[in-house]
Amino acid sequence: MNGMTGKGTAATLLLVACAICSLHGQVPQPAQPQQETTTPTAAPLAFETVSIKPAPPGSIPFIPAFIRDKTAPVYGLQTMAGAVWLTISWAYRLQISEAKAAFEKQPGWVKKQIYRVTFRVEGQPTNEQLREMFRTMLADRFALEIHEFTKEGAVNKVVLSKPGLLGPKIHPHTEGTNCSTQGDASVGKAPDPSTPSVTNCGFSWYYTSGGLLHVGITNTTVVDGVRALAGIGVPGLDTKPIVDGTGLTGKYDLTLEFRPDSGSPRVDPGADDGAPTLIQAVAQQLGVRLESGTGPVRIVLIDHISEPTPD
């Protein structure tokens, strides 16, 4: 969709960074009958203060560290910039296929207009508490009304290429392993070969000198790792939800290098140098592949959204 898959790989990767921090076990479940309850409902969490302003034309999204890395601390004044569909996708843990379906018929500004959001939090909220604060902001300032349901539909199932065996570029995550939250200035930049190598926490990427895209993801399940890769210019991967068929529930660290399939200004789309595409790299380097199947599909519907109220 125009404005969502974009012509530039950078914008797509920002979505992917949102996705990897959004999922972690988000699996559609069959709807259950609702039961009445008398339990008092707590007031939703909210930012202490928040400012929302349209960014000037030509602005690019800025995704802060706490979205790229769910372990990054958050306190005080924070700033981010992005289209509201990206913010909703992160706040509600949408897969790329769920987001594309939800926003397909929404006004163009939802997908294209960049908003600069500056907010202040009290204390040091968790990643999940931040999502709730964003949901509150979206309801208050964008008048967002949203509902969802589950139905049976087409899915992409992640399965092992060889029973019991993962690929050479994915390894079990060890709790306590040192990693570094990537500084904003270094996002998307290749590491300096003259300095000691550092593992970045969460989601990171850069182009190699040969024009390959290098992606690193830490502390992820196998299926969430594949979900995070689904938006990088591969037709078909972004139209059906991705579900687990590996049976592996542990957390892993992975790296992947591949030739971007489309959309990259750095690469000749007609080049054929033997480098793997994303689909080939997932099979060769991670040891998994995708099978078409059916299963529970999460349907997210936007009932109402308006341009934000002024500060």
Protein backbone atom coordinates (compact mmCIF):
# COMPACT_ATOMS: atom_id res chain seq x y z
CA MET A 1 0.00 0.00 0.00
CA ASN A 2 1.32 3.45 -0.89
CA GLY A 3 2.73 5.15 2.19
CA MET A 4 3.00 1.86 4.04
CA THR A 5 5.39 -0.23 2.03
CA GLY A 6 6.92 2.93 0.57
CA LYS A 7 9.55 3.33 -2.11
CA GLY A 8 12.38 3.72 0.41
CA THR A 9 13.72 0.82 2.40
CA ALA A 10 14.36 3.08 5.41
CA ALA A 11 10.66 3.73 6.00
CA THR A 12 9.90 0.03 5.69
CA LEU A 13 12.61 -0.85 8.19
CA LEU A 14 11.13 1.56 10.70
CA LEU A 15 7.92 -0.43 10.48
CA VAL A 16 9.88 -3.62 10.97
CA ALA A 17 11.55 -2.18 14.05
CA CYS A 18 8.07 -1.45 15.41
CA ALA A 19 6.92 -4.96 14.59
CA ILE A 20 9.69 -6.80 16.38
CA CYS A 21 9.00 -4.87 19.55
CA SER A 22 5.25 -5.24 19.12
CA LEU A 23 4.74 -8.98 19.01
CA HIS A 24 6.40 -11.50 21.30
CA GLY A 25 3.67 -14.08 21.56
CA GLN A 26 0.73 -12.16 20.06
CA VAL A 27 -1.38 -15.05 18.74
CA PRO A 28 -5.04 -14.75 17.65
CA GLN A 29 -7.35 -16.87 19.75
CA PRO A 30 -10.90 -18.03 18.99
CA ALA A 31 -13.44 -15.61 20.42
CA GLN A 32 -14.75 -16.51 23.88
CA PRO A 33 -18.21 -15.68 25.25
CA GLN A 34 -18.08 -12.51 27.32
CA GLN A 35 -19.12 -12.71 30.95
CA GLU A 36 -20.43 -9.86 33.04
CA THR A 37 -18.19 -8.69 35.82
CA THR A 38 -18.44 -6.20 38.64
CA THR A 39 -14.69 -5.66 38.92
CA PRO A 40 -13.97 -1.90 38.92
CA THR A 41 -12.11 -0.69 35.84
CA ALA A 42 -8.94 1.27 36.56
CA ALA A 43 -8.40 4.54 34.74
CA PRO A 44 -6.18 3.99 31.67
CA LEU A 45 -2.56 5.01 31.97
CA ALA A 46 -1.70 8.31 30.31
CA PHE A 47 1.27 10.58 29.68
CA GLU A 48 1.87 13.46 32.09
CA THR A 49 1.96 15.83 29.13
CA VAL A 50 1.86 15.30 25.37
CA SER A 51 2.27 17.55 22.33
CA ILE A 52 1.35 16.49 18.78
CA LYS A 53 2.32 18.61 15.79
CA PRO A 54 2.43 17.89 12.02
CA ALA A 55 6.04 17.61 10.86
CA PRO A 56 7.18 19.77 7.91
CA PRO A 57 6.88 18.25 4.42
CA GLY A 58 9.75 15.91 3.62
CA SER A 59 10.32 14.88 7.25
CA ILE A 60 11.34 11.29 7.84
CA PRO A 61 10.14 9.07 10.69
CA PHE A 62 12.14 8.99 13.90
CA ILE A 63 11.60 5.86 15.98
CA PRO A 64 13.05 6.10 19.50
CA ALA A 65 15.12 3.43 21.21
CA PHE A 66 12.26 2.08 23.34
CA ILE A 67 10.46 0.92 20.19
CA ARG A 68 13.54 -0.63 18.59
CA ASP A 69 14.61 -2.23 21.89
CA LYS A 70 11.94 -3.22 24.40
CA THR A 71 14.51 -3.25 27.23
CA ALA A 72 15.58 0.38 26.72
CA PRO A 73 14.74 2.57 29.75
CA VAL A 74 12.18 5.33 29.31
CA TYR A 75 11.91 8.34 31.58
CA GLY A 76 11.30 12.07 31.40
CA LEU A 77 10.74 13.84 28.10
CA GLN A 78 10.64 11.71 24.92
CA THR A 79 10.15 12.49 21.22
CA MET A 80 9.16 10.40 18.22
CA ALA A 81 8.00 11.18 14.70
CA GLY A 82 5.95 8.98 12.39
CA ALA A 83 2.68 8.45 10.61
CA VAL A 84 -0.18 7.63 12.95
CA TRP A 85 -0.62 4.16 11.40
CA LEU A 86 2.85 3.28 12.70
CA THR A 87 1.96 4.48 16.18
CA ILE A 88 -1.28 2.48 16.18
CA SER A 89 0.54 -0.59 14.90
CA TRP A 90 3.00 -0.44 17.79
CA ALA A 91 0.42 0.42 20.45
CA TYR A 92 -1.87 -2.46 19.41
CA ARG A 93 0.84 -5.00 18.44
CA LEU A 94 -0.21 -5.34 14.81
CA GLN A 95 1.55 -7.61 12.36
CA ILE A 96 2.25 -5.97 8.98
CA SER A 97 -0.59 -7.94 7.35
CA GLU A 98 -3.02 -6.81 10.08
CA ALA A 99 -1.90 -3.20 9.67
CA LYS A 100 -2.24 -3.25 5.88
CA ALA A 101 -5.78 -4.59 6.13
CA ALA A 102 -6.77 -2.18 8.91
CA PHE A 103 -5.53 0.99 7.18
CA GLU A 104 -6.22 0.16 3.54
CA LYS A 105 -9.38 2.27 3.35
CA GLN A 106 -8.34 5.01 5.77
CA PRO A 107 -7.65 8.60 4.64
CA GLY A 108 -4.28 9.33 3.10
CA TRP A 109 -3.07 11.45 6.02
CA VAL A 110 -3.24 8.39 8.31
CA LYS A 111 -0.57 6.68 6.20
CA LYS A 112 1.48 9.64 4.96
CA GLN A 113 1.40 12.60 7.36
CA ILE A 114 4.33 12.55 9.79
CA TYR A 115 3.48 13.79 13.28
CA ARG A 116 6.04 14.83 15.86
CA VAL A 117 4.94 13.58 19.27
CA THR A 118 6.65 14.87 22.41
CA PHE A 119 5.56 13.40 25.72
CA ARG A 120 6.60 13.18 29.35
CA VAL A 121 6.23 10.09 31.51
CA GLU A 122 6.23 9.77 35.28
CA GLY A 123 8.75 7.35 36.75
CA GLN A 124 10.08 4.62 34.44
CA PRO A 125 7.14 2.78 32.86
CA THR A 126 7.45 -0.66 31.32
CA ASN A 127 7.16 -1.21 27.59
CA GLU A 128 3.64 -2.56 28.05
CA GLN A 129 2.60 0.44 30.16
CA LEU A 130 3.89 2.73 27.40
CA ARG A 131 1.68 0.97 24.88
CA GLU A 132 -1.33 1.66 27.09
CA MET A 133 -0.33 5.33 27.34
CA PHE A 134 -0.15 5.54 23.57
CA ARG A 135 -3.58 3.90 23.25
CA THR A 136 -4.96 6.53 25.64
CA MET A 137 -3.35 9.32 23.61
CA LEU A 138 -4.72 7.92 20.35
CA ALA A 139 -8.24 7.82 21.79
CA ASP A 140 -8.01 11.31 23.34
CA ARG A 141 -6.25 13.21 20.56
CA PHE A 142 -7.09 11.27 17.37
CA ALA A 143 -10.56 10.13 18.54
CA LEU A 144 -9.48 6.59 17.62
CA GLU A 145 -12.15 3.94 17.94
CA ILE A 146 -11.06 0.42 17.15
CA HIS A 147 -12.37 -3.11 17.54
CA GLU A 148 -11.18 -6.54 16.56
CA PHE A 149 -12.33 -10.11 16.15
CA THR A 150 -10.91 -13.43 15.04
CA LYS A 151 -11.95 -15.61 12.13
CA GLU A 152 -10.52 -18.56 10.23
CA GLY A 153 -8.44 -17.55 7.25
CA ALA A 154 -5.24 -17.94 5.23
CA VAL A 155 -1.93 -17.80 7.13
CA ASN A 156 1.79 -18.29 6.53
CA LYS A 157 3.15 -20.94 8.88
CA VAL A 158 6.82 -20.89 9.92
CA VAL A 159 8.22 -24.45 9.92
CA LEU A 160 11.70 -25.93 10.29
CA SER A 161 13.39 -26.83 7.01
CA LYS A 162 14.97 -29.85 8.73
CA PRO A 163 13.32 -31.41 11.80
CA GLY A 164 15.00 -30.31 15.03
CA LEU A 165 17.65 -28.19 13.29
CA LEU A 166 17.95 -24.41 13.00
CA GLY A 167 20.29 -22.56 10.67
CA PRO A 168 23.82 -21.23 11.31
CA LYS A 169 22.78 -17.62 11.95
CA ILE A 170 20.35 -18.16 14.83
CA HIS A 171 21.35 -19.17 18.36
CA PRO A 172 19.60 -19.52 21.73
CA HIS A 173 19.51 -16.24 23.64
CA THR A 174 21.40 -16.28 26.93
CA GLU A 175 19.89 -14.12 29.67
CA GLY A 176 22.40 -11.59 30.96
CA THR A 177 24.30 -11.46 27.67
CA ASN A 178 25.78 -8.01 27.16
CA CYS A 179 24.24 -5.92 24.42
CA SER A 180 24.00 -2.21 23.78
CA THR A 181 20.95 -0.09 23.06
CA GLN A 182 21.84 1.46 19.72
CA GLY A 183 22.25 5.21 19.82
CA ASP A 184 19.92 7.22 17.62
CA ALA A 185 22.83 8.62 15.61
CA SER A 186 24.13 5.16 14.69
CA VAL A 187 20.86 3.60 13.54
CA GLY A 188 21.33 2.20 10.04
CA LYS A 189 25.09 2.80 10.00
CA ALA A 190 27.59 0.01 9.45
CA PRO A 191 29.93 -0.64 12.41
CA ASP A 192 33.47 0.70 12.31
CA PRO A 193 35.70 -2.31 11.58
CA SER A 194 38.54 -0.71 13.56
CA THR A 195 36.57 -0.83 16.82
CA PRO A 196 35.50 -3.88 18.90
CA SER A 197 32.22 -5.38 17.69
CA VAL A 198 29.13 -4.68 19.78
CA THR A 199 25.83 -6.58 19.75
CA ASN A 200 22.89 -4.19 19.56
CA CYS A 201 19.84 -4.99 21.69
CA GLY A 202 16.51 -5.48 19.95
CA PHE A 203 16.36 -4.72 16.22
CA SER A 204 19.22 -3.20 14.23
CA TRP A 205 20.26 -2.99 10.59
CA TYR A 206 22.83 -1.58 8.17
CA TYR A 207 24.01 -2.02 4.57
CA THR A 208 27.25 -3.87 3.99
CA SER A 209 29.89 -2.49 1.62
CA GLY A 210 28.57 -4.93 -0.99
CA GLY A 211 25.04 -3.56 -0.78
CA LEU A 212 23.55 -6.41 1.26
CA LEU A 213 21.16 -5.61 4.08
CA HIS A 214 22.41 -6.88 7.45
CA VAL A 215 19.69 -7.33 10.09
CA GLY A 216 20.23 -8.28 13.71
CA ILE A 217 17.52 -9.22 16.22
CA THR A 218 18.08 -10.27 19.82
CA ASN A 219 15.88 -11.96 22.42
CA THR A 220 13.12 -13.01 20.02
CA THR A 221 11.13 -16.13 19.33
CA VAL A 222 11.65 -17.76 15.94
CA VAL A 223 8.22 -16.76 14.66
CA ASP A 224 8.54 -13.16 15.88
CA GLY A 225 11.90 -12.90 14.15
CA VAL A 226 10.29 -13.91 10.86
CA ARG A 227 7.35 -11.56 11.49
CA ALA A 228 9.78 -8.71 11.97
CA LEU A 229 11.34 -9.42 8.58
CA ALA A 230 8.02 -9.67 6.77
CA GLY A 231 7.79 -6.01 5.74
CA ILE A 232 11.08 -5.80 3.85
CA GLY A 233 9.81 -5.63 0.29
CA VAL A 234 8.67 -9.23 -0.22
CA PRO A 235 5.31 -9.57 -2.00
CA GLY A 236 3.06 -12.05 -0.24
CA LEU A 237 4.73 -11.98 3.16
CA ASP A 238 2.85 -8.84 4.13
CA THR A 239 -0.63 -10.01 3.14
CA LYS A 240 -1.16 -12.99 5.48
CA PRO A 241 -0.45 -13.27 9.20
CA ILE A 242 2.57 -15.34 10.15
CA VAL A 243 2.02 -18.08 12.73
CA ASP A 244 4.30 -20.56 14.43
CA GLY A 245 4.64 -24.12 13.22
CA THR A 246 8.07 -24.85 14.70
CA GLY A 247 6.92 -25.64 18.23
CA LEU A 248 9.95 -23.69 19.50
CA THR A 249 9.05 -21.32 22.34
CA GLY A 250 12.52 -20.21 23.48
CA LYS A 251 14.19 -16.88 22.78
CA TYR A 252 16.93 -16.53 20.16
CA ASP A 253 19.46 -14.06 18.74
CA LEU A 254 19.81 -13.95 14.97
CA THR A 255 21.58 -12.16 12.15
CA LEU A 256 20.69 -12.20 8.48
CA GLU A 257 22.26 -10.81 5.30
CA PHE A 258 20.41 -10.66 2.02
CA ARG A 259 19.79 -8.69 -1.15
CA PRO A 260 16.76 -6.44 -0.65
CA ASP A 261 13.99 -7.66 -2.94
CA SER A 262 12.70 -4.21 -3.83
CA GLY A 263 12.58 -0.58 -2.88
CA SER A 264 16.22 0.02 -2.05
CA PRO A 265 17.91 3.04 -3.64
CA ARG A 266 21.26 1.37 -2.86
CA VAL A 267 20.79 -1.65 -5.10
CA ASP A 268 20.32 -2.20 -8.83
CA PRO A 269 17.01 -4.14 -8.94
CA GLY A 270 18.32 -6.10 -11.92
CA ALA A 271 21.51 -7.17 -10.21
CA ASP A 272 22.13 -10.91 -9.96
CA ASP A 273 25.34 -11.54 -8.02
CA GLY A 274 24.29 -14.75 -6.31
CA ALA A 275 23.39 -13.03 -3.04
CA PRO A 276 20.25 -14.50 -1.41
CA THR A 277 16.90 -12.81 -1.37
CA LEU A 278 15.14 -12.50 1.98
CA ILE A 279 13.17 -15.72 1.45
CA GLN A 280 16.34 -17.60 0.50
CA ALA A 281 18.27 -16.13 3.45
CA VAL A 282 15.56 -17.13 5.91
CA ALA A 283 15.84 -20.72 4.66
CA GLN A 284 19.64 -20.85 4.38
CA GLN A 285 20.66 -18.79 7.40
CA LEU A 286 17.80 -19.38 9.85
CA GLY A 287 16.77 -22.87 8.76
CA VAL A 288 13.04 -22.15 8.48
CA ARG A 289 10.58 -21.79 5.63
CA LEU A 290 6.98 -20.69 5.16
CA GLU A 291 4.04 -22.94 4.34
CA SER A 292 0.58 -21.74 3.34
CA GLY A 293 -2.21 -22.90 5.60
CA THR A 294 -5.29 -21.83 7.52
CA GLY A 295 -5.74 -20.73 11.10
CA PRO A 296 -7.12 -18.00 13.37
CA VAL A 297 -6.72 -14.57 11.76
CA ARG A 298 -6.93 -11.37 13.78
CA ILE A 299 -9.10 -8.75 12.06
CA VAL A 300 -8.61 -5.18 13.30
CA LEU A 301 -11.13 -2.54 12.21
CA ILE A 302 -10.76 1.23 12.55
CA ASP A 303 -14.25 2.52 13.37
CA HIS A 304 -13.23 6.17 13.60
CA ILE A 305 -10.12 8.34 13.45
CA SER A 306 -9.72 12.11 13.13
CA GLU A 307 -6.79 14.43 12.65
CA PRO A 308 -5.39 15.29 16.08
CA THR A 309 -6.86 18.01 18.24
CA PRO A 310 -4.52 21.01 18.66
CA ASP A 311 -2.23 21.28 21.69
